[in-house]
């Protein structure tokens, strides 16, 4: 769920393990802020960036290269 939770004890049980991202600390009240949504968003952003890198490097052909080939083919004809 993407709903905001004020008190984690309402949705998690003691001893239950979750992966979360550290988002801050309140030194006065000695409270550590963690976010499961921020971790998920960070992982999604990394996956998108990885996909973009893979697709741009794996295609091997750019528009410029295609135009050069087309022009070279016309010059030879």
Protein backbone atom coordinates (compact mmCIF):
# COMPACT_ATOMS: atom_id res chain seq x y z
CA UNK A 1 0.00 0.00 0.00
CA UNK A 2 1.17 3.52 -0.72
CA UNK A 3 -0.79 5.12 2.12
CA UNK A 4 1.06 7.10 4.75
CA UNK A 5 1.43 5.30 8.07
CA UNK A 6 1.85 7.42 11.18
CA UNK A 7 2.76 4.53 13.47
CA UNK A 8 4.57 1.51 12.02
CA UNK A 9 3.31 -0.62 14.90
CA UNK A 10 -0.14 -0.50 13.30
CA UNK A 11 0.99 -2.40 10.18
CA UNK A 12 4.12 -4.28 11.27
CA UNK A 13 4.64 -6.89 13.93
CA UNK A 14 7.63 -6.88 16.34
CA UNK A 15 10.53 -8.75 14.76
CA UNK A 16 9.16 -8.43 11.22
CA UNK A 17 11.91 -7.49 8.77
CA UNK A 18 11.40 -4.91 6.03
CA UNK A 19 13.76 -3.10 3.71
CA UNK A 20 13.58 0.68 3.99
CA UNK A 21 15.59 3.75 3.09
CA UNK A 22 16.98 6.05 5.77
CA UNK A 23 15.45 9.48 5.23
CA UNK A 24 16.41 11.40 8.34
CA UNK A 25 16.83 11.71 12.09
CA UNK A 26 15.28 14.05 14.63
CA UNK A 27 18.01 14.56 17.21
CA UNK A 28 15.76 16.26 19.75
CA UNK A 29 13.17 13.51 19.91
CA UNK A 30 15.71 10.82 18.96
CA UNK A 31 13.52 9.46 16.17
CA UNK A 32 14.91 7.84 13.04
CA UNK A 33 12.81 8.24 9.89
CA UNK A 34 12.69 5.35 7.43
CA UNK A 35 10.69 4.99 4.22
CA UNK A 36 9.72 1.83 2.41
CA UNK A 37 8.22 3.89 -0.44
CA UNK A 38 11.45 5.88 -0.89
CA UNK A 39 13.42 2.63 -1.18
CA UNK A 40 11.00 1.29 -3.78
CA UNK A 41 11.09 4.55 -5.74
CA UNK A 42 14.90 4.54 -5.67
CA UNK A 43 15.02 0.95 -6.94
CA UNK A 44 12.53 1.76 -9.72
CA UNK A 45 14.60 4.77 -10.79
CA UNK A 46 17.76 2.63 -10.88
CA UNK A 47 15.97 -0.02 -12.96
CA UNK A 48 14.76 2.59 -15.46
CA UNK A 49 18.25 4.10 -15.73
CA UNK A 50 19.77 0.65 -16.22
CA UNK A 51 17.21 -0.17 -18.92
CA UNK A 52 17.88 3.11 -20.73
CA UNK A 53 21.63 2.46 -20.65
CA UNK A 54 21.18 -1.09 -21.96
CA UNK A 55 18.84 -0.11 -24.78
CA UNK A 56 20.93 2.84 -25.94
CA UNK A 57 24.19 0.87 -25.94
CA UNK A 58 22.78 -2.37 -27.33
CA UNK A 59 21.04 -0.84 -30.35
CA UNK A 60 24.42 -0.02 -31.88
CA UNK A 61 22.87 2.17 -34.56
CA UNK A 62 22.10 5.82 -34.21
CA UNK A 63 20.07 8.03 -36.50
CA UNK A 64 23.26 9.72 -37.63
CA UNK A 65 24.81 6.39 -38.62
CA UNK A 66 21.70 5.42 -40.59
CA UNK A 67 21.72 8.75 -42.46
CA UNK A 68 25.42 8.38 -43.30
CA UNK A 69 24.79 4.89 -44.70
CA UNK A 70 21.84 6.14 -46.75
CA UNK A 71 23.82 9.08 -48.17
CA UNK A 72 26.82 6.85 -48.92
CA UNK A 73 24.51 4.40 -50.70
CA UNK A 74 23.06 7.20 -52.86
CA UNK A 75 26.53 8.52 -53.75
CA UNK A 76 27.62 5.08 -54.95
CA UNK A 77 24.55 4.63 -57.17
